[in-house]
Amino acid sequence: MKIYTIGVYGSTEQQFYGKLIENHIDTFCDIRQRRGVRGSEYAFVNSNYLQHKLAEMDIKYGHIIELAPTSEIREKQKAVDLMNGERKRDRTQLGHTFVREYKKHIENYDFDALVSNFDDIGANRVVFFCVEQYASACHRSIVAEELHKRYNYEVIHL
């Protein structure tokens, strides 16, 4: 199994869905707390549209809210961004506090059950999705790192 990560900021609808096609993604894991993006620019990743489009592409969709950072963790990163004068959309790295708190948040998550579910549905190329352009600026990189560490899956950041 290969693990991919993808964000949406900085992509058009064609580029975003094109990456899924080019990489033969068969399973899409939405790990956002809220499954919408403000404004029309990225409306193509709002939950209903996204799920419909993925179904047309024959890509399985799942929302794994347990892997979403809590509001409290996101607020801590927002404070760091504010202190650095950086917008969420422009961030290239997560703050140390966010990483520490998020790792605590997922330390009891049942990754074995997740992987078993992937096996049950025949997933081979799984992408983890959140909005940030850079994986290093998003919790999806931590999830991918954990899957690599535990199961030695190859990780590719799109």
N, C-alpha and C. Protein backbone atom coordinates (compact mmCIF):
# COMPACT_ATOMS: atom_id res chain seq x y z
N MET A 1 0.85 -1.18 0.00
CA MET A 1 0.00 0.00 0.00
C MET A 1 0.89 1.24 0.00
N LYS A 2 0.46 2.25 -0.74
CA LYS A 2 1.13 3.55 -0.76
C LYS A 2 0.22 4.56 -0.09
N ILE A 3 0.84 5.45 0.67
CA ILE A 3 0.14 6.52 1.34
C ILE A 3 0.52 7.84 0.68
N TYR A 4 -0.48 8.62 0.35
CA TYR A 4 -0.28 9.93 -0.25
C TYR A 4 -0.90 10.98 0.67
N THR A 5 -0.44 12.21 0.51
CA THR A 5 -1.11 13.33 1.16
C THR A 5 -1.36 14.39 0.10
N ILE A 6 -2.45 15.14 0.29
CA ILE A 6 -2.78 16.20 -0.65
C ILE A 6 -3.46 17.35 0.08
N GLY A 7 -3.15 18.56 -0.35
CA GLY A 7 -3.82 19.76 0.12
C GLY A 7 -4.49 20.41 -1.07
N VAL A 8 -5.20 21.48 -0.80
CA VAL A 8 -5.92 22.13 -1.90
C VAL A 8 -5.43 23.55 -2.17
N TYR A 9 -4.95 24.25 -1.15
CA TYR A 9 -4.53 25.64 -1.38
C TYR A 9 -3.47 25.67 -2.48
N GLY A 10 -3.63 26.62 -3.39
CA GLY A 10 -2.69 26.76 -4.50
C GLY A 10 -3.03 25.89 -5.70
N SER A 11 -4.14 25.15 -5.63
CA SER A 11 -4.53 24.27 -6.74
C SER A 11 -5.86 24.71 -7.34
N THR A 12 -6.00 24.48 -8.62
CA THR A 12 -7.30 24.63 -9.25
C THR A 12 -8.03 23.30 -9.12
N GLU A 13 -9.31 23.31 -9.44
CA GLU A 13 -10.08 22.07 -9.41
C GLU A 13 -9.46 21.04 -10.34
N GLN A 14 -9.08 21.44 -11.53
CA GLN A 14 -8.50 20.52 -12.50
C GLN A 14 -7.18 19.94 -11.99
N GLN A 15 -6.34 20.78 -11.40
CA GLN A 15 -5.05 20.30 -10.86
C GLN A 15 -5.28 19.32 -9.71
N PHE A 16 -6.19 19.67 -8.80
CA PHE A 16 -6.45 18.85 -7.63
C PHE A 16 -6.92 17.45 -8.03
N TYR A 17 -7.97 17.38 -8.83
CA TYR A 17 -8.50 16.08 -9.22
C TYR A 17 -7.56 15.36 -10.20
N GLY A 18 -6.81 16.13 -10.97
CA GLY A 18 -5.82 15.55 -11.86
C GLY A 18 -4.75 14.78 -11.11
N LYS A 19 -4.32 15.29 -9.96
CA LYS A 19 -3.32 14.59 -9.13
C LYS A 19 -3.86 13.24 -8.65
N LEU A 20 -5.14 13.20 -8.32
CA LEU A 20 -5.74 11.94 -7.87
C LEU A 20 -5.74 10.92 -9.01
N ILE A 21 -6.09 11.38 -10.19
CA ILE A 21 -6.12 10.50 -11.36
C ILE A 21 -4.72 10.02 -11.73
N GLU A 22 -3.78 10.97 -11.82
CA GLU A 22 -2.40 10.65 -12.22
C GLU A 22 -1.75 9.63 -11.28
N ASN A 23 -2.13 9.67 -10.00
CA ASN A 23 -1.52 8.78 -9.02
C ASN A 23 -2.38 7.56 -8.71
N HIS A 24 -3.44 7.38 -9.48
CA HIS A 24 -4.30 6.19 -9.37
C HIS A 24 -4.82 5.98 -7.94
N ILE A 25 -5.23 7.09 -7.31
CA ILE A 25 -5.76 7.03 -5.95
C ILE A 25 -7.07 6.24 -5.96
N ASP A 26 -7.21 5.30 -5.03
CA ASP A 26 -8.46 4.54 -4.95
C ASP A 26 -9.23 4.81 -3.67
N THR A 27 -8.58 5.43 -2.68
CA THR A 27 -9.24 5.70 -1.40
C THR A 27 -8.83 7.09 -0.92
N PHE A 28 -9.82 7.89 -0.56
CA PHE A 28 -9.63 9.28 -0.17
C PHE A 28 -10.07 9.44 1.28
N CYS A 29 -9.15 9.83 2.15
CA CYS A 29 -9.45 10.02 3.58
C CYS A 29 -9.42 11.51 3.91
N ASP A 30 -10.58 12.03 4.20
CA ASP A 30 -10.74 13.44 4.57
C ASP A 30 -10.53 13.52 6.08
N ILE A 31 -9.47 14.19 6.50
CA ILE A 31 -9.16 14.25 7.93
C ILE A 31 -9.29 15.68 8.47
N ARG A 32 -10.22 16.42 7.87
CA ARG A 32 -10.54 17.76 8.36
C ARG A 32 -11.60 17.66 9.45
N GLN A 33 -11.56 18.60 10.38
CA GLN A 33 -12.62 18.67 11.39
C GLN A 33 -13.91 19.17 10.75
N ARG A 34 -13.78 20.25 9.99
CA ARG A 34 -14.93 20.80 9.26
C ARG A 34 -14.66 20.55 7.79
N ARG A 35 -15.65 20.03 7.11
CA ARG A 35 -15.42 19.61 5.73
C ARG A 35 -15.88 20.64 4.71
N GLY A 36 -15.55 21.88 4.99
CA GLY A 36 -15.86 22.96 4.07
C GLY A 36 -14.74 23.97 4.06
N VAL A 37 -14.69 24.74 2.97
CA VAL A 37 -13.70 25.80 2.83
C VAL A 37 -14.47 27.07 2.51
N ARG A 38 -14.12 28.16 3.17
CA ARG A 38 -14.81 29.43 2.92
C ARG A 38 -14.47 29.97 1.54
N GLY A 39 -15.46 30.60 0.93
CA GLY A 39 -15.26 31.23 -0.37
C GLY A 39 -15.45 30.27 -1.52
N SER A 40 -15.55 30.84 -2.70
CA SER A 40 -15.84 30.04 -3.89
C SER A 40 -14.60 29.44 -4.53
N GLU A 41 -13.44 29.99 -4.22
CA GLU A 41 -12.21 29.55 -4.88
C GLU A 41 -11.94 28.05 -4.71
N TYR A 42 -12.28 27.52 -3.52
CA TYR A 42 -12.01 26.10 -3.25
C TYR A 42 -13.30 25.32 -2.94
N ALA A 43 -14.41 25.79 -3.49
CA ALA A 43 -15.70 25.13 -3.25
C ALA A 43 -15.70 23.68 -3.73
N PHE A 44 -14.80 23.35 -4.62
CA PHE A 44 -14.74 21.99 -5.16
C PHE A 44 -14.24 20.95 -4.16
N VAL A 45 -13.83 21.39 -2.96
CA VAL A 45 -13.48 20.43 -1.90
C VAL A 45 -14.44 20.51 -0.72
N ASN A 46 -15.54 21.23 -0.89
CA ASN A 46 -16.58 21.18 0.13
C ASN A 46 -17.22 19.80 0.06
N SER A 47 -17.61 19.29 1.19
CA SER A 47 -17.96 17.88 1.37
C SER A 47 -18.87 17.29 0.30
N ASN A 48 -20.03 17.89 0.06
CA ASN A 48 -20.98 17.29 -0.87
C ASN A 48 -20.43 17.21 -2.29
N TYR A 49 -19.84 18.30 -2.75
CA TYR A 49 -19.27 18.32 -4.10
C TYR A 49 -18.13 17.32 -4.20
N LEU A 50 -17.25 17.34 -3.21
CA LEU A 50 -16.10 16.44 -3.18
C LEU A 50 -16.54 14.98 -3.24
N GLN A 51 -17.48 14.60 -2.40
CA GLN A 51 -17.94 13.21 -2.38
C GLN A 51 -18.58 12.81 -3.69
N HIS A 52 -19.35 13.69 -4.28
CA HIS A 52 -19.98 13.40 -5.57
C HIS A 52 -18.92 13.21 -6.65
N LYS A 53 -17.95 14.11 -6.69
CA LYS A 53 -16.88 14.04 -7.70
C LYS A 53 -16.05 12.77 -7.53
N LEU A 54 -15.71 12.43 -6.30
CA LEU A 54 -14.93 11.21 -6.05
C LEU A 54 -15.72 9.97 -6.47
N ALA A 55 -17.02 9.95 -6.20
CA ALA A 55 -17.85 8.81 -6.60
C ALA A 55 -17.84 8.67 -8.13
N GLU A 56 -17.90 9.79 -8.85
CA GLU A 56 -17.82 9.75 -10.31
C GLU A 56 -16.49 9.16 -10.77
N MET A 57 -15.44 9.40 -9.99
CA MET A 57 -14.10 8.93 -10.33
C MET A 57 -13.83 7.53 -9.79
N ASP A 58 -14.83 6.94 -9.15
CA ASP A 58 -14.72 5.60 -8.54
C ASP A 58 -13.63 5.55 -7.47
N ILE A 59 -13.56 6.61 -6.67
CA ILE A 59 -12.62 6.69 -5.55
C ILE A 59 -13.44 6.62 -4.27
N LYS A 60 -13.10 5.69 -3.39
CA LYS A 60 -13.82 5.54 -2.11
C LYS A 60 -13.50 6.76 -1.24
N TYR A 61 -14.50 7.21 -0.50
CA TYR A 61 -14.36 8.38 0.37
C TYR A 61 -14.66 7.99 1.81
N GLY A 62 -13.84 8.50 2.72
CA GLY A 62 -14.12 8.35 4.13
C GLY A 62 -13.71 9.60 4.89
N HIS A 63 -14.52 9.97 5.87
CA HIS A 63 -14.19 11.09 6.75
C HIS A 63 -13.75 10.49 8.08
N ILE A 64 -12.53 10.77 8.46
CA ILE A 64 -11.98 10.22 9.70
C ILE A 64 -11.77 11.38 10.67
N ILE A 65 -12.84 11.76 11.34
CA ILE A 65 -12.80 12.93 12.21
C ILE A 65 -11.86 12.72 13.40
N GLU A 66 -11.65 11.47 13.79
CA GLU A 66 -10.74 11.20 14.91
C GLU A 66 -9.32 11.62 14.60
N LEU A 67 -8.97 11.75 13.33
CA LEU A 67 -7.63 12.20 12.95
C LEU A 67 -7.56 13.70 12.69
N ALA A 68 -8.68 14.38 12.85
CA ALA A 68 -8.69 15.84 12.72
C ALA A 68 -8.18 16.46 14.02
N PRO A 69 -7.41 17.53 13.92
CA PRO A 69 -7.00 18.21 15.15
C PRO A 69 -8.21 18.85 15.82
N THR A 70 -8.19 18.89 17.12
CA THR A 70 -9.29 19.52 17.86
C THR A 70 -9.25 21.04 17.64
N SER A 71 -10.33 21.68 17.97
CA SER A 71 -10.38 23.15 17.88
C SER A 71 -9.30 23.77 18.75
N GLU A 72 -9.04 23.19 19.92
CA GLU A 72 -8.03 23.73 20.83
C GLU A 72 -6.63 23.65 20.21
N ILE A 73 -6.33 22.55 19.56
CA ILE A 73 -5.03 22.41 18.92
C ILE A 73 -4.90 23.40 17.76
N ARG A 74 -5.96 23.54 16.98
CA ARG A 74 -5.94 24.48 15.86
C ARG A 74 -5.78 25.92 16.35
N GLU A 75 -6.41 26.23 17.47
CA GLU A 75 -6.27 27.58 18.04
C GLU A 75 -4.83 27.88 18.45
N LYS A 76 -4.14 26.88 18.97
CA LYS A 76 -2.73 27.06 19.35
C LYS A 76 -1.88 27.37 18.11
N GLN A 77 -2.15 26.69 17.01
CA GLN A 77 -1.40 26.99 15.78
C GLN A 77 -1.78 28.36 15.25
N LYS A 78 -3.05 28.71 15.37
CA LYS A 78 -3.50 30.03 14.91
C LYS A 78 -2.77 31.14 15.67
N ALA A 79 -2.54 30.94 16.96
CA ALA A 79 -1.82 31.92 17.78
C ALA A 79 -0.37 32.05 17.30
N VAL A 80 0.25 30.93 16.96
CA VAL A 80 1.62 30.95 16.45
C VAL A 80 1.66 31.67 15.10
N ASP A 81 0.68 31.37 14.25
CA ASP A 81 0.61 32.03 12.95
C ASP A 81 0.47 33.54 13.12
N LEU A 82 -0.38 33.95 14.04
CA LEU A 82 -0.60 35.37 14.31
C LEU A 82 0.69 36.02 14.80
N MET A 83 1.37 35.34 15.72
CA MET A 83 2.63 35.85 16.25
C MET A 83 3.69 35.99 15.14
N ASN A 84 3.67 35.07 14.19
CA ASN A 84 4.63 35.10 13.08
C ASN A 84 4.17 35.96 11.91
N GLY A 85 2.96 36.53 12.02
CA GLY A 85 2.41 37.33 10.94
C GLY A 85 2.18 36.52 9.69
N GLU A 86 1.77 35.27 9.87
CA GLU A 86 1.62 34.33 8.76
C GLU A 86 0.16 33.88 8.65
N ARG A 87 -0.36 33.87 7.43
CA ARG A 87 -1.70 33.34 7.20
C ARG A 87 -1.62 31.83 7.09
N LYS A 88 -2.70 31.16 7.49
CA LYS A 88 -2.78 29.70 7.39
C LYS A 88 -2.44 29.23 5.98
N ARG A 89 -2.95 29.95 5.00
CA ARG A 89 -2.73 29.56 3.59
C ARG A 89 -1.28 29.72 3.16
N ASP A 90 -0.51 30.51 3.89
CA ASP A 90 0.89 30.75 3.51
C ASP A 90 1.88 29.96 4.35
N ARG A 91 1.41 29.30 5.38
CA ARG A 91 2.29 28.56 6.30
C ARG A 91 3.00 27.42 5.58
N THR A 92 4.29 27.22 5.92
CA THR A 92 5.04 26.12 5.32
C THR A 92 5.44 25.07 6.36
N GLN A 93 5.31 25.38 7.64
CA GLN A 93 5.68 24.45 8.71
C GLN A 93 4.67 24.55 9.85
N LEU A 94 4.44 23.44 10.52
CA LEU A 94 3.64 23.45 11.75
C LEU A 94 4.50 23.89 12.92
N GLY A 95 3.88 24.54 13.90
CA GLY A 95 4.59 24.92 15.10
C GLY A 95 4.84 23.72 15.99
N HIS A 96 5.85 23.83 16.83
CA HIS A 96 6.22 22.73 17.73
C HIS A 96 5.08 22.37 18.68
N THR A 97 4.34 23.37 19.16
CA THR A 97 3.23 23.11 20.07
C THR A 97 2.16 22.29 19.38
N PHE A 98 1.82 22.68 18.15
CA PHE A 98 0.81 21.92 17.40
C PHE A 98 1.25 20.47 17.24
N VAL A 99 2.48 20.25 16.82
CA VAL A 99 2.98 18.89 16.58
C VAL A 99 2.89 18.07 17.87
N ARG A 100 3.36 18.64 18.97
CA ARG A 100 3.33 17.93 20.26
C ARG A 100 1.90 17.59 20.67
N GLU A 101 1.01 18.57 20.59
CA GLU A 101 -0.38 18.37 21.01
C GLU A 101 -1.11 17.40 20.08
N TYR A 102 -0.85 17.49 18.79
CA TYR A 102 -1.52 16.60 17.84
C TYR A 102 -1.04 15.16 18.03
N LYS A 103 0.24 14.97 18.25
CA LYS A 103 0.75 13.62 18.48
C LYS A 103 0.13 13.01 19.74
N LYS A 104 -0.07 13.84 20.77
CA LYS A 104 -0.77 13.35 21.97
C LYS A 104 -2.21 12.98 21.64
N HIS A 105 -2.83 13.79 20.80
CA HIS A 105 -4.23 13.60 20.40
C HIS A 105 -4.42 12.25 19.70
N ILE A 106 -3.46 11.84 18.88
CA ILE A 106 -3.63 10.60 18.11
C ILE A 106 -2.88 9.40 18.69
N GLU A 107 -2.24 9.56 19.84
CA GLU A 107 -1.43 8.46 20.37
C GLU A 107 -2.24 7.21 20.68
N ASN A 108 -3.53 7.34 20.97
CA ASN A 108 -4.37 6.17 21.24
C ASN A 108 -5.28 5.80 20.08
N TYR A 109 -5.07 6.45 18.94
CA TYR A 109 -5.88 6.13 17.77
C TYR A 109 -5.54 4.72 17.30
N ASP A 110 -6.53 3.98 16.87
CA ASP A 110 -6.35 2.58 16.47
C ASP A 110 -5.94 2.50 14.99
N PHE A 111 -4.65 2.70 14.73
CA PHE A 111 -4.14 2.62 13.37
C PHE A 111 -4.27 1.21 12.81
N ASP A 112 -4.17 0.19 13.67
CA ASP A 112 -4.33 -1.19 13.20
C ASP A 112 -5.71 -1.40 12.60
N ALA A 113 -6.73 -0.86 13.23
CA ALA A 113 -8.10 -0.99 12.71
C ALA A 113 -8.23 -0.23 11.38
N LEU A 114 -7.60 0.93 11.28
CA LEU A 114 -7.64 1.70 10.04
C LEU A 114 -7.02 0.89 8.90
N VAL A 115 -5.85 0.34 9.14
CA VAL A 115 -5.16 -0.44 8.12
C VAL A 115 -5.95 -1.69 7.77
N SER A 116 -6.55 -2.31 8.76
CA SER A 116 -7.39 -3.48 8.52
C SER A 116 -8.58 -3.12 7.64
N ASN A 117 -9.16 -1.96 7.89
CA ASN A 117 -10.27 -1.48 7.06
C ASN A 117 -9.79 -1.25 5.62
N PHE A 118 -8.61 -0.67 5.46
CA PHE A 118 -8.06 -0.47 4.12
C PHE A 118 -7.92 -1.82 3.41
N ASP A 119 -7.41 -2.80 4.14
CA ASP A 119 -7.26 -4.14 3.55
C ASP A 119 -8.62 -4.71 3.15
N ASP A 120 -9.63 -4.53 4.02
CA ASP A 120 -10.97 -5.06 3.77
C ASP A 120 -11.60 -4.48 2.50
N ILE A 121 -11.32 -3.21 2.23
CA ILE A 121 -11.93 -2.58 1.05
C ILE A 121 -11.01 -2.63 -0.17
N GLY A 122 -9.87 -3.25 -0.03
CA GLY A 122 -8.95 -3.39 -1.16
C GLY A 122 -8.22 -2.11 -1.53
N ALA A 123 -7.98 -1.26 -0.56
CA ALA A 123 -7.28 0.00 -0.81
C ALA A 123 -5.80 -0.27 -1.09
N ASN A 124 -5.29 0.36 -2.13
CA ASN A 124 -3.87 0.25 -2.47
C ASN A 124 -3.15 1.59 -2.48
N ARG A 125 -3.88 2.62 -2.86
CA ARG A 125 -3.31 3.96 -2.96
C ARG A 125 -4.25 4.91 -2.21
N VAL A 126 -3.87 5.21 -0.99
CA VAL A 126 -4.72 5.97 -0.07
C VAL A 126 -4.17 7.38 0.09
N VAL A 127 -5.03 8.37 -0.08
CA VAL A 127 -4.60 9.75 0.10
C VAL A 127 -5.29 10.34 1.34
N PHE A 128 -4.51 11.06 2.13
CA PHE A 128 -5.02 11.79 3.29
C PHE A 128 -5.09 13.26 2.90
N PHE A 129 -6.25 13.86 3.14
CA PHE A 129 -6.53 15.21 2.67
C PHE A 129 -6.83 16.19 3.79
N CYS A 130 -6.22 17.35 3.67
CA CYS A 130 -6.61 18.55 4.41
C CYS A 130 -6.28 19.73 3.49
N VAL A 131 -6.48 20.93 3.93
CA VAL A 131 -6.44 22.06 3.00
C VAL A 131 -5.07 22.66 2.73
N GLU A 132 -4.17 22.64 3.69
CA GLU A 132 -2.90 23.34 3.52
C GLU A 132 -2.15 22.88 2.28
N GLN A 133 -1.48 23.81 1.63
CA GLN A 133 -0.76 23.49 0.39
C GLN A 133 0.40 22.53 0.66
N TYR A 134 1.14 22.79 1.72
CA TYR A 134 2.34 22.00 2.01
C TYR A 134 2.04 20.97 3.09
N ALA A 135 2.44 19.73 2.86
CA ALA A 135 2.23 18.67 3.86
C ALA A 135 2.92 19.03 5.16
N SER A 136 4.07 19.68 5.10
CA SER A 136 4.81 20.06 6.31
C SER A 136 4.08 21.09 7.14
N ALA A 137 3.06 21.71 6.58
CA ALA A 137 2.27 22.72 7.30
C ALA A 137 0.95 22.15 7.78
N CYS A 138 0.81 20.81 7.73
CA CYS A 138 -0.48 20.19 7.99
C CYS A 138 -0.33 18.90 8.78
N HIS A 139 -1.35 18.59 9.56
CA HIS A 139 -1.35 17.37 10.36
C HIS A 139 -1.35 16.10 9.51
N ARG A 140 -1.73 16.20 8.24
CA ARG A 140 -1.72 15.01 7.38
C ARG A 140 -0.31 14.42 7.27
N SER A 141 0.71 15.28 7.38
CA SER A 141 2.09 14.77 7.33
C SER A 141 2.41 13.93 8.56
N ILE A 142 1.82 14.27 9.68
CA ILE A 142 2.05 13.51 10.92
C ILE A 142 1.36 12.15 10.82
N VAL A 143 0.17 12.12 10.26
CA VAL A 143 -0.55 10.85 10.06
C VAL A 143 0.25 9.96 9.11
N ALA A 144 0.71 10.52 8.01
CA ALA A 144 1.49 9.75 7.03
C ALA A 144 2.78 9.24 7.66
N GLU A 145 3.44 10.08 8.45
CA GLU A 145 4.67 9.69 9.14
C GLU A 145 4.40 8.51 10.09
N GLU A 146 3.28 8.56 10.77
CA GLU A 146 2.91 7.48 11.71
C GLU A 146 2.67 6.17 10.96
N LEU A 147 2.00 6.25 9.83
CA LEU A 147 1.76 5.05 9.03
C LEU A 147 3.05 4.48 8.45
N HIS A 148 3.96 5.36 8.10
CA HIS A 148 5.27 4.90 7.62
C HIS A 148 6.05 4.22 8.75
N LYS A 149 6.04 4.86 9.90
CA LYS A 149 6.78 4.34 11.06
C LYS A 149 6.24 2.97 11.49
N ARG A 150 4.92 2.85 11.55
CA ARG A 150 4.31 1.61 12.05
C ARG A 150 4.29 0.48 11.02
N TYR A 151 4.08 0.81 9.74
CA TYR A 151 3.84 -0.22 8.73
C TYR A 151 4.81 -0.16 7.55
N ASN A 152 5.72 0.79 7.60
CA ASN A 152 6.72 0.98 6.55
C ASN A 152 6.09 1.26 5.18
N TYR A 153 4.92 1.91 5.15
CA TYR A 153 4.30 2.29 3.90
C TYR A 153 5.10 3.42 3.27
N GLU A 154 5.20 3.37 1.98
CA GLU A 154 5.81 4.47 1.24
C GLU A 154 4.87 5.67 1.34
N VAL A 155 5.44 6.86 1.54
CA VAL A 155 4.64 8.09 1.65
C VAL A 155 5.05 9.05 0.55
N ILE A 156 4.05 9.58 -0.14
CA ILE A 156 4.27 10.53 -1.21
C ILE A 156 3.38 11.74 -0.96
N HIS A 157 3.99 12.92 -0.91
CA HIS A 157 3.24 14.16 -0.71
C HIS A 157 2.98 14.78 -2.09
N LEU A 158 1.72 14.90 -2.45
CA LEU A 158 1.36 15.48 -3.75
C LEU A 158 1.31 17.00 -3.69
